[in-house]
Amino acid sequence: MTDKQKILGCGIEFPHFGASYPDAVCIDGYLWDMDSGEADEDGVSYSYGGNGYPCPVCNTKEWLEQVIENEEFETEADALAYRDAIINKYSD
């Protein structure tokens, strides 16, 4: 894990909201949908996605609690393997 990922808001971008390309970005430890909302004068606008969906990379503890509670993964080890795959593929 890089120093950038040790703080909330790691900025990682990866597919999350149903696209085959990176459509989620981490801002302040939560995922935002890069395909939603209207662009501001700088061309940047993200809508909050996932009803407060924590980032698996920098907000791992909260993310694990949520995905285990929602039974998105069979085990915590499966969830962490998914998180590690995101880091390996999409981190700088």
PDB file of N, CA and C in Angstrom:
ATOM      1  N   MET A   1       0.848  -1.172   0.000  1.00  0.00           N
ATOM      2  CA  MET A   1       0.000   0.000   0.000  1.00  0.00           C
ATOM      3  C   MET A   1       0.895   1.238   0.000  1.00  0.00           C
ATOM      4  N   THR A   2       0.583   2.184  -0.856  1.00  0.00           N
ATOM      5  CA  THR A   2       1.388   3.394  -0.951  1.00  0.00           C
ATOM      6  C   THR A   2       0.999   4.379   0.140  1.00  0.00           C
ATOM      7  N   ASP A   3       1.858   5.382   0.365  1.00  0.00           N
ATOM      8  CA  ASP A   3       1.537   6.420   1.341  1.00  0.00           C
ATOM      9  C   ASP A   3       0.233   7.108   0.986  1.00  0.00           C
ATOM     10  N   LYS A   4      -0.009   7.269  -0.310  1.00  0.00           N
ATOM     11  CA  LYS A   4      -1.236   7.918  -0.779  1.00  0.00           C
ATOM     12  C   LYS A   4      -2.472   7.158  -0.303  1.00  0.00           C
ATOM     13  N   GLN A   5      -2.390   5.848  -0.217  1.00  0.00           N
ATOM     14  CA  GLN A   5      -3.534   5.025   0.143  1.00  0.00           C
ATOM     15  C   GLN A   5      -3.714   4.893   1.645  1.00  0.00           C
ATOM     16  N   LYS A   6      -2.789   5.383   2.450  1.00  0.00           N
ATOM     17  CA  LYS A   6      -2.901   5.270   3.895  1.00  0.00           C
ATOM     18  C   LYS A   6      -3.847   6.306   4.483  1.00  0.00           C
ATOM     19  N   ILE A   7      -4.170   7.342   3.712  1.00  0.00           N
ATOM     20  CA  ILE A   7      -5.098   8.363   4.187  1.00  0.00           C
ATOM     21  C   ILE A   7      -6.414   8.205   3.453  1.00  0.00           C
ATOM     22  N   LEU A   8      -7.502   8.666   4.071  1.00  0.00           N
ATOM     23  CA  LEU A   8      -8.791   8.600   3.390  1.00  0.00           C
ATOM     24  C   LEU A   8      -8.764   9.535   2.193  1.00  0.00           C
ATOM     25  N   GLY A   9      -9.308   9.041   1.110  1.00  0.00           N
ATOM     26  CA  GLY A   9      -9.346   9.831  -0.114  1.00  0.00           C
ATOM     27  C   GLY A   9      -8.144   9.539  -0.983  1.00  0.00           C
ATOM     28  N   CYS A  10      -7.920   8.273  -1.269  1.00  0.00           N
ATOM     29  CA  CYS A  10      -6.726   7.878  -2.018  1.00  0.00           C
ATOM     30  C   CYS A  10      -6.787   8.250  -3.491  1.00  0.00           C
ATOM     31  N   GLY A  11      -7.966   8.574  -4.018  1.00  0.00           N
ATOM     32  CA  GLY A  11      -8.074   8.995  -5.409  1.00  0.00           C
ATOM     33  C   GLY A  11      -8.058   7.874  -6.434  1.00  0.00           C
ATOM     34  N   ILE A  12      -8.040   6.634  -5.973  1.00  0.00           N
ATOM     35  CA  ILE A  12      -8.010   5.513  -6.915  1.00  0.00           C
ATOM     36  C   ILE A  12      -9.262   5.530  -7.794  1.00  0.00           C
ATOM     37  N   GLU A  13      -9.101   5.147  -9.033  1.00  0.00           N
ATOM     38  CA  GLU A  13     -10.210   5.032  -9.973  1.00  0.00           C
ATOM     39  C   GLU A  13     -10.260   3.585 -10.452  1.00  0.00           C
ATOM     40  N   PHE A  14     -11.456   2.981 -10.422  1.00  0.00           N
ATOM     41  CA  PHE A  14     -11.615   1.604 -10.863  1.00  0.00           C
ATOM     42  C   PHE A  14     -13.078   1.347 -11.206  1.00  0.00           C
ATOM     43  N   PRO A  15     -13.371   0.279 -11.963  1.00  0.00           N
ATOM     44  CA  PRO A  15     -14.768  -0.036 -12.285  1.00  0.00           C
ATOM     45  C   PRO A  15     -15.517  -0.452 -11.019  1.00  0.00           C
ATOM     46  N   HIS A  16     -16.651   0.172 -10.788  1.00  0.00           N
ATOM     47  CA  HIS A  16     -17.449  -0.199  -9.618  1.00  0.00           C
ATOM     48  C   HIS A  16     -18.947  -0.083  -9.875  1.00  0.00           C
ATOM     49  N   PHE A  17     -19.370   0.919 -10.616  1.00  0.00           N
ATOM     50  CA  PHE A  17     -20.787   1.194 -10.789  1.00  0.00           C
ATOM     51  C   PHE A  17     -21.349   0.575 -12.065  1.00  0.00           C
ATOM     52  N   GLY A  18     -20.796  -0.561 -12.478  1.00  0.00           N
ATOM     53  CA  GLY A  18     -21.358  -1.308 -13.590  1.00  0.00           C
ATOM     54  C   GLY A  18     -20.664  -1.149 -14.923  1.00  0.00           C
ATOM     55  N   ALA A  19     -19.697  -0.273 -15.017  1.00  0.00           N
ATOM     56  CA  ALA A  19     -18.981  -0.084 -16.283  1.00  0.00           C
ATOM     57  C   ALA A  19     -17.806  -1.062 -16.375  1.00  0.00           C
ATOM     58  N   SER A  20     -17.321  -1.250 -17.591  1.00  0.00           N
ATOM     59  CA  SER A  20     -16.149  -2.105 -17.788  1.00  0.00           C
ATOM     60  C   SER A  20     -14.857  -1.289 -17.701  1.00  0.00           C
ATOM     61  N   TYR A  21     -14.979  -0.002 -17.511  1.00  0.00           N
ATOM     62  CA  TYR A  21     -13.848   0.916 -17.386  1.00  0.00           C
ATOM     63  C   TYR A  21     -13.955   1.598 -16.008  1.00  0.00           C
ATOM     64  N   PRO A  22     -12.899   2.264 -15.571  1.00  0.00           N
ATOM     65  CA  PRO A  22     -12.987   2.939 -14.278  1.00  0.00           C
ATOM     66  C   PRO A  22     -14.099   3.997 -14.260  1.00  0.00           C
ATOM     67  N   ASP A  23     -15.096   3.762 -13.433  1.00  0.00           N
ATOM     68  CA  ASP A  23     -16.230   4.689 -13.326  1.00  0.00           C
ATOM     69  C   ASP A  23     -16.433   5.187 -11.895  1.00  0.00           C
ATOM     70  N   ALA A  24     -15.553   4.805 -10.990  1.00  0.00           N
ATOM     71  CA  ALA A  24     -15.625   5.237  -9.597  1.00  0.00           C
ATOM     72  C   ALA A  24     -14.302   5.881  -9.213  1.00  0.00           C
ATOM     73  N   VAL A  25     -14.383   6.900  -8.399  1.00  0.00           N
ATOM     74  CA  VAL A  25     -13.187   7.543  -7.863  1.00  0.00           C
ATOM     75  C   VAL A  25     -13.372   7.708  -6.359  1.00  0.00           C
ATOM     76  N   CYS A  26     -12.301   7.525  -5.613  1.00  0.00           N
ATOM     77  CA  CYS A  26     -12.345   7.693  -4.162  1.00  0.00           C
ATOM     78  C   CYS A  26     -12.085   9.154  -3.818  1.00  0.00           C
ATOM     79  N   ILE A  27     -13.041   9.737  -3.103  1.00  0.00           N
ATOM     80  CA  ILE A  27     -12.899  11.088  -2.576  1.00  0.00           C
ATOM     81  C   ILE A  27     -13.258  11.016  -1.096  1.00  0.00           C
ATOM     82  N   ASP A  28     -12.336  11.413  -0.255  1.00  0.00           N
ATOM     83  CA  ASP A  28     -12.556  11.399   1.195  1.00  0.00           C
ATOM     84  C   ASP A  28     -12.956  10.029   1.725  1.00  0.00           C
ATOM     85  N   GLY A  29     -12.446   8.961   1.115  1.00  0.00           N
ATOM     86  CA  GLY A  29     -12.682   7.613   1.618  1.00  0.00           C
ATOM     87  C   GLY A  29     -13.951   6.944   1.136  1.00  0.00           C
ATOM     88  N   TYR A  30     -14.688   7.607   0.225  1.00  0.00           N
ATOM     89  CA  TYR A  30     -15.929   7.046  -0.308  1.00  0.00           C
ATOM     90  C   TYR A  30     -15.920   7.118  -1.827  1.00  0.00           C
ATOM     91  N   LEU A  31     -16.655   6.203  -2.459  1.00  0.00           N
ATOM     92  CA  LEU A  31     -16.663   6.123  -3.919  1.00  0.00           C
ATOM     93  C   LEU A  31     -17.692   7.072  -4.516  1.00  0.00           C
ATOM     94  N   TRP A  32     -17.274   7.770  -5.549  1.00  0.00           N
ATOM     95  CA  TRP A  32     -18.117   8.696  -6.296  1.00  0.00           C
ATOM     96  C   TRP A  32     -18.204   8.206  -7.728  1.00  0.00           C
ATOM     97  N   ASP A  33     -19.365   8.358  -8.335  1.00  0.00           N
ATOM     98  CA  ASP A  33     -19.626   7.891  -9.694  1.00  0.00           C
ATOM     99  C   ASP A  33     -19.160   8.945 -10.691  1.00  0.00           C
ATOM    100  N   MET A  34     -18.160   8.600 -11.493  1.00  0.00           N
ATOM    101  CA  MET A  34     -17.587   9.542 -12.454  1.00  0.00           C
ATOM    102  C   MET A  34     -18.472   9.722 -13.681  1.00  0.00           C
ATOM    103  N   ASP A  35     -19.472   8.891 -13.858  1.00  0.00           N
ATOM    104  CA  ASP A  35     -20.354   8.987 -15.020  1.00  0.00           C
ATOM    105  C   ASP A  35     -21.648   9.735 -14.725  1.00  0.00           C
ATOM    106  N   SER A  36     -21.804  10.242 -13.525  1.00  0.00           N
ATOM    107  CA  SER A  36     -23.051  10.903 -13.147  1.00  0.00           C
ATOM    108  C   SER A  36     -22.818  12.375 -12.868  1.00  0.00           C
ATOM    109  N   GLY A  37     -23.873  13.100 -12.920  1.00  0.00           N
ATOM    110  CA  GLY A  37     -23.807  14.519 -12.620  1.00  0.00           C
ATOM    111  C   GLY A  37     -23.445  15.332 -13.847  1.00  0.00           C
ATOM    112  N   GLU A  38     -23.458  16.637 -13.679  1.00  0.00           N
ATOM    113  CA  GLU A  38     -23.120  17.547 -14.757  1.00  0.00           C
ATOM    114  C   GLU A  38     -21.770  18.168 -14.467  1.00  0.00           C
ATOM    115  N   ALA A  39     -21.014  18.408 -15.513  1.00  0.00           N
ATOM    116  CA  ALA A  39     -19.672  18.963 -15.358  1.00  0.00           C
ATOM    117  C   ALA A  39     -19.733  20.440 -14.972  1.00  0.00           C
ATOM    118  N   ASP A  40     -18.791  20.845 -14.114  1.00  0.00           N
ATOM    119  CA  ASP A  40     -18.670  22.259 -13.777  1.00  0.00           C
ATOM    120  C   ASP A  40     -17.801  22.945 -14.830  1.00  0.00           C
ATOM    121  N   GLU A  41     -17.415  24.197 -14.592  1.00  0.00           N
ATOM    122  CA  GLU A  41     -16.633  24.930 -15.592  1.00  0.00           C
ATOM    123  C   GLU A  41     -15.288  24.277 -15.882  1.00  0.00           C
ATOM    124  N   ASP A  42     -14.768  23.488 -14.964  1.00  0.00           N
ATOM    125  CA  ASP A  42     -13.517  22.765 -15.174  1.00  0.00           C
ATOM    126  C   ASP A  42     -13.732  21.405 -15.827  1.00  0.00           C
ATOM    127  N   GLY A  43     -14.998  21.052 -16.058  1.00  0.00           N
ATOM    128  CA  GLY A  43     -15.310  19.770 -16.675  1.00  0.00           C
ATOM    129  C   GLY A  43     -15.306  18.613 -15.701  1.00  0.00           C
ATOM    130  N   VAL A  44     -15.305  18.907 -14.399  1.00  0.00           N
ATOM    131  CA  VAL A  44     -15.253  17.853 -13.389  1.00  0.00           C
ATOM    132  C   VAL A  44     -16.489  17.915 -12.510  1.00  0.00           C
ATOM    133  N   SER A  45     -17.172  16.800 -12.399  1.00  0.00           N
ATOM    134  CA  SER A  45     -18.306  16.693 -11.484  1.00  0.00           C
ATOM    135  C   SER A  45     -18.601  15.228 -11.257  1.00  0.00           C
ATOM    136  N   TYR A  46     -18.675  14.848 -10.013  1.00  0.00           N
ATOM    137  CA  TYR A  46     -19.001  13.475  -9.670  1.00  0.00           C
ATOM    138  C   TYR A  46     -20.205  13.488  -8.748  1.00  0.00           C
ATOM    139  N   SER A  47     -21.088  12.539  -8.930  1.00  0.00           N
ATOM    140  CA  SER A  47     -22.179  12.419  -7.969  1.00  0.00           C
ATOM    141  C   SER A  47     -21.821  11.335  -6.979  1.00  0.00           C
ATOM    142  N   TYR A  48     -22.311  11.516  -5.774  1.00  0.00           N
ATOM    143  CA  TYR A  48     -22.031  10.556  -4.723  1.00  0.00           C
ATOM    144  C   TYR A  48     -22.711   9.252  -5.087  1.00  0.00           C
ATOM    145  N   GLY A  49     -21.976   8.195  -5.129  1.00  0.00           N
ATOM    146  CA  GLY A  49     -22.540   6.914  -5.533  1.00  0.00           C
ATOM    147  C   GLY A  49     -22.573   5.915  -4.400  1.00  0.00           C
ATOM    148  N   GLY A  50     -23.386   4.916  -4.560  1.00  0.00           N
ATOM    149  CA  GLY A  50     -23.366   3.778  -3.656  1.00  0.00           C
ATOM    150  C   GLY A  50     -23.895   4.032  -2.266  1.00  0.00           C
ATOM    151  N   ASN A  51     -24.629   5.114  -2.055  1.00  0.00           N
ATOM    152  CA  ASN A  51     -25.183   5.410  -0.735  1.00  0.00           C
ATOM    153  C   ASN A  51     -24.121   5.356   0.356  1.00  0.00           C
ATOM    154  N   GLY A  52     -23.025   6.042   0.145  1.00  0.00           N
ATOM    155  CA  GLY A  52     -21.966   6.061   1.142  1.00  0.00           C
ATOM    156  C   GLY A  52     -21.077   4.844   1.073  1.00  0.00           C
ATOM    157  N   TYR A  53     -20.829   4.329  -0.115  1.00  0.00           N
ATOM    158  CA  TYR A  53     -20.030   3.125  -0.271  1.00  0.00           C
ATOM    159  C   TYR A  53     -18.567   3.429   0.029  1.00  0.00           C
ATOM    160  N   PRO A  54     -18.008   2.843   1.068  1.00  0.00           N
ATOM    161  CA  PRO A  54     -16.621   3.104   1.440  1.00  0.00           C
ATOM    162  C   PRO A  54     -15.643   2.581   0.389  1.00  0.00           C
ATOM    163  N   CYS A  55     -14.511   3.251   0.291  1.00  0.00           N
ATOM    164  CA  CYS A  55     -13.456   2.806  -0.620  1.00  0.00           C
ATOM    165  C   CYS A  55     -12.790   1.561  -0.044  1.00  0.00           C
ATOM    166  N   PRO A  56     -12.666   0.501  -0.841  1.00  0.00           N
ATOM    167  CA  PRO A  56     -12.016  -0.702  -0.333  1.00  0.00           C
ATOM    168  C   PRO A  56     -10.518  -0.519  -0.113  1.00  0.00           C
ATOM    169  N   VAL A  57      -9.915   0.474  -0.746  1.00  0.00           N
ATOM    170  CA  VAL A  57      -8.467   0.664  -0.674  1.00  0.00           C
ATOM    171  C   VAL A  57      -8.050   1.444   0.568  1.00  0.00           C
ATOM    172  N   CYS A  58      -8.661   2.603   0.799  1.00  0.00           N
ATOM    173  CA  CYS A  58      -8.203   3.437   1.917  1.00  0.00           C
ATOM    174  C   CYS A  58      -9.163   3.447   3.104  1.00  0.00           C
ATOM    175  N   ASN A  59     -10.364   2.942   2.913  1.00  0.00           N
ATOM    176  CA  ASN A  59     -11.355   2.878   3.992  1.00  0.00           C
ATOM    177  C   ASN A  59     -11.751   1.408   4.178  1.00  0.00           C
ATOM    178  N   THR A  60     -10.735   0.569   4.225  1.00  0.00           N
ATOM    179  CA  THR A  60     -10.917  -0.881   4.198  1.00  0.00           C
ATOM    180  C   THR A  60     -11.766  -1.393   5.353  1.00  0.00           C
ATOM    181  N   LYS A  61     -11.548  -0.892   6.555  1.00  0.00           N
ATOM    182  CA  LYS A  61     -12.290  -1.398   7.717  1.00  0.00           C
ATOM    183  C   LYS A  61     -13.794  -1.191   7.529  1.00  0.00           C
ATOM    184  N   GLU A  62     -14.193   0.013   7.165  1.00  0.00           N
ATOM    185  CA  GLU A  62     -15.622   0.294   6.964  1.00  0.00           C
ATOM    186  C   GLU A  62     -16.160  -0.489   5.766  1.00  0.00           C
ATOM    187  N   TRP A  63     -15.359  -0.568   4.704  1.00  0.00           N
ATOM    188  CA  TRP A  63     -15.765  -1.321   3.509  1.00  0.00           C
ATOM    189  C   TRP A  63     -15.993  -2.787   3.861  1.00  0.00           C
ATOM    190  N   LEU A  64     -15.059  -3.393   4.617  1.00  0.00           N
ATOM    191  CA  LEU A  64     -15.203  -4.800   5.005  1.00  0.00           C
ATOM    192  C   LEU A  64     -16.478  -5.020   5.812  1.00  0.00           C
ATOM    193  N   GLU A  65     -16.740  -4.141   6.765  1.00  0.00           N
ATOM    194  CA  GLU A  65     -17.959  -4.270   7.564  1.00  0.00           C
ATOM    195  C   GLU A  65     -19.197  -4.268   6.662  1.00  0.00           C
ATOM    196  N   GLN A  66     -19.204  -3.362   5.682  1.00  0.00           N
ATOM    197  CA  GLN A  66     -20.370  -3.251   4.803  1.00  0.00           C
ATOM    198  C   GLN A  66     -20.518  -4.458   3.886  1.00  0.00           C
ATOM    199  N   VAL A  67     -19.443  -4.899   3.248  1.00  0.00           N
ATOM    200  CA  VAL A  67     -19.587  -6.004   2.297  1.00  0.00           C
ATOM    201  C   VAL A  67     -19.854  -7.330   2.999  1.00  0.00           C
ATOM    202  N   ILE A  68     -19.325  -7.504   4.199  1.00  0.00           N
ATOM    203  CA  ILE A  68     -19.606  -8.725   4.953  1.00  0.00           C
ATOM    204  C   ILE A  68     -21.067  -8.710   5.412  1.00  0.00           C
ATOM    205  N   GLU A  69     -21.534  -7.562   5.910  1.00  0.00           N
ATOM    206  CA  GLU A  69     -22.931  -7.444   6.345  1.00  0.00           C
ATOM    207  C   GLU A  69     -23.892  -7.682   5.182  1.00  0.00           C
ATOM    208  N   ASN A  70     -23.545  -7.168   4.008  1.00  0.00           N
ATOM    209  CA  ASN A  70     -24.404  -7.317   2.827  1.00  0.00           C
ATOM    210  C   ASN A  70     -24.175  -8.638   2.084  1.00  0.00           C
ATOM    211  N   GLU A  71     -23.278  -9.459   2.605  1.00  0.00           N
ATOM    212  CA  GLU A  71     -22.958 -10.776   2.036  1.00  0.00           C
ATOM    213  C   GLU A  71     -22.535 -10.689   0.572  1.00  0.00           C
ATOM    214  N   GLU A  72     -21.713  -9.669   0.265  1.00  0.00           N
ATOM    215  CA  GLU A  72     -21.201  -9.497  -1.092  1.00  0.00           C
ATOM    216  C   GLU A  72     -20.055 -10.457  -1.389  1.00  0.00           C
ATOM    217  N   PHE A  73     -19.410 -10.947  -0.350  1.00  0.00           N
ATOM    218  CA  PHE A  73     -18.334 -11.932  -0.479  1.00  0.00           C
ATOM    219  C   PHE A  73     -18.607 -13.053   0.509  1.00  0.00           C
ATOM    220  N   GLU A  74     -18.145 -14.243   0.183  1.00  0.00           N
ATOM    221  CA  GLU A  74     -18.375 -15.379   1.084  1.00  0.00           C
ATOM    222  C   GLU A  74     -17.556 -15.267   2.358  1.00  0.00           C
ATOM    223  N   THR A  75     -16.320 -14.769   2.221  1.00  0.00           N
ATOM    224  CA  THR A  75     -15.451 -14.657   3.390  1.00  0.00           C
ATOM    225  C   THR A  75     -14.716 -13.318   3.369  1.00  0.00           C
ATOM    226  N   GLU A  76     -14.176 -12.939   4.507  1.00  0.00           N
ATOM    227  CA  GLU A  76     -13.352 -11.742   4.585  1.00  0.00           C
ATOM    228  C   GLU A  76     -12.121 -11.890   3.695  1.00  0.00           C
ATOM    229  N   ALA A  77     -11.562 -13.089   3.636  1.00  0.00           N
ATOM    230  CA  ALA A  77     -10.393 -13.331   2.783  1.00  0.00           C
ATOM    231  C   ALA A  77     -10.725 -13.081   1.308  1.00  0.00           C
ATOM    232  N   ASP A  78     -11.919 -13.481   0.875  1.00  0.00           N
ATOM    233  CA  ASP A  78     -12.351 -13.219  -0.509  1.00  0.00           C
ATOM    234  C   ASP A  78     -12.447 -11.718  -0.758  1.00  0.00           C
ATOM    235  N   ALA A  79     -13.000 -10.987   0.198  1.00  0.00           N
ATOM    236  CA  ALA A  79     -13.131  -9.541   0.068  1.00  0.00           C
ATOM    237  C   ALA A  79     -11.759  -8.882  -0.021  1.00  0.00           C
ATOM    238  N   LEU A  80     -10.848  -9.295   0.828  1.00  0.00           N
ATOM    239  CA  LEU A  80      -9.505  -8.718   0.814  1.00  0.00           C
ATOM    240  C   LEU A  80      -8.745  -9.072  -0.463  1.00  0.00           C
ATOM    241  N   ALA A  81      -8.991 -10.250  -1.005  1.00  0.00           N
ATOM    242  CA  ALA A  81      -8.369 -10.625  -2.278  1.00  0.00           C
ATOM    243  C   ALA A  81      -8.877  -9.722  -3.400  1.00  0.00           C
ATOM    244  N   TYR A  82     -10.170  -9.394  -3.377  1.00  0.00           N
ATOM    245  CA  TYR A  82     -10.744  -8.459  -4.351  1.00  0.00           C
ATOM    246  C   TYR A  82     -10.098  -7.081  -4.212  1.00  0.00           C
ATOM    247  N   ARG A  83      -9.986  -6.605  -2.970  1.00  0.00           N
ATOM    248  CA  ARG A  83      -9.346  -5.310  -2.723  1.00  0.00           C
ATOM    249  C   ARG A  83      -7.908  -5.306  -3.226  1.00  0.00           C
ATOM    250  N   ASP A  84      -7.168  -6.372  -2.963  1.00  0.00           N
ATOM    251  CA  ASP A  84      -5.777  -6.457  -3.417  1.00  0.00           C
ATOM    252  C   ASP A  84      -5.689  -6.451  -4.937  1.00  0.00           C
ATOM    253  N   ALA A  85      -6.640  -7.090  -5.603  1.00  0.00           N
ATOM    254  CA  ALA A  85      -6.662  -7.089  -7.070  1.00  0.00           C
ATOM    255  C   ALA A  85      -6.895  -5.678  -7.608  1.00  0.00           C
ATOM    256  N   ILE A  86      -7.755  -4.912  -6.949  1.00  0.00           N
ATOM    257  CA  ILE A  86      -7.976  -3.516  -7.352  1.00  0.00           C
ATOM    258  C   ILE A  86      -6.682  -2.724  -7.206  1.00  0.00           C
ATOM    259  N   ILE A  87      -6.032  -2.872  -6.072  1.00  0.00           N
ATOM    260  CA  ILE A  87      -4.780  -2.151  -5.826  1.00  0.00           C
ATOM    261  C   ILE A  87      -3.747  -2.514  -6.884  1.00  0.00           C
ATOM    262  N   ASN A  88      -3.597  -3.807  -7.146  1.00  0.00           N
ATOM    263  CA  ASN A  88      -2.583  -4.247  -8.117  1.00  0.00           C
ATOM    264  C   ASN A  88      -2.858  -3.748  -9.521  1.00  0.00           C
ATOM    265  N   LYS A  89      -4.119  -3.675  -9.913  1.00  0.00           N
ATOM    266  CA  LYS A  89      -4.446  -3.296 -11.272  1.00  0.00           C
ATOM    267  C   LYS A  89      -4.573  -1.791 -11.474  1.00  0.00           C
ATOM    268  N   TYR A  90      -5.077  -1.067 -10.475  1.00  0.00           N
ATOM    269  CA  TYR A  90      -5.437   0.340 -10.706  1.00  0.00           C
ATOM    270  C   TYR A  90      -4.627   1.368  -9.917  1.00  0.00           C
ATOM    271  N   SER A  91      -3.735   0.939  -9.042  1.00  0.00           N
ATOM    272  CA  SER A  91      -2.914   1.910  -8.298  1.00  0.00           C
ATOM    273  C   SER A  91      -1.757   2.379  -9.144  1.00  0.00           C
ATOM    274  N   ASP A  92      -1.349   3.596  -8.840  1.00  0.00           N
ATOM    275  CA  ASP A  92      -0.171   4.166  -9.531  1.00  0.00           C
ATOM    276  C   ASP A  92       1.098   3.533  -9.037  1.00  0.00           C
TER     277      ASP A  92
END
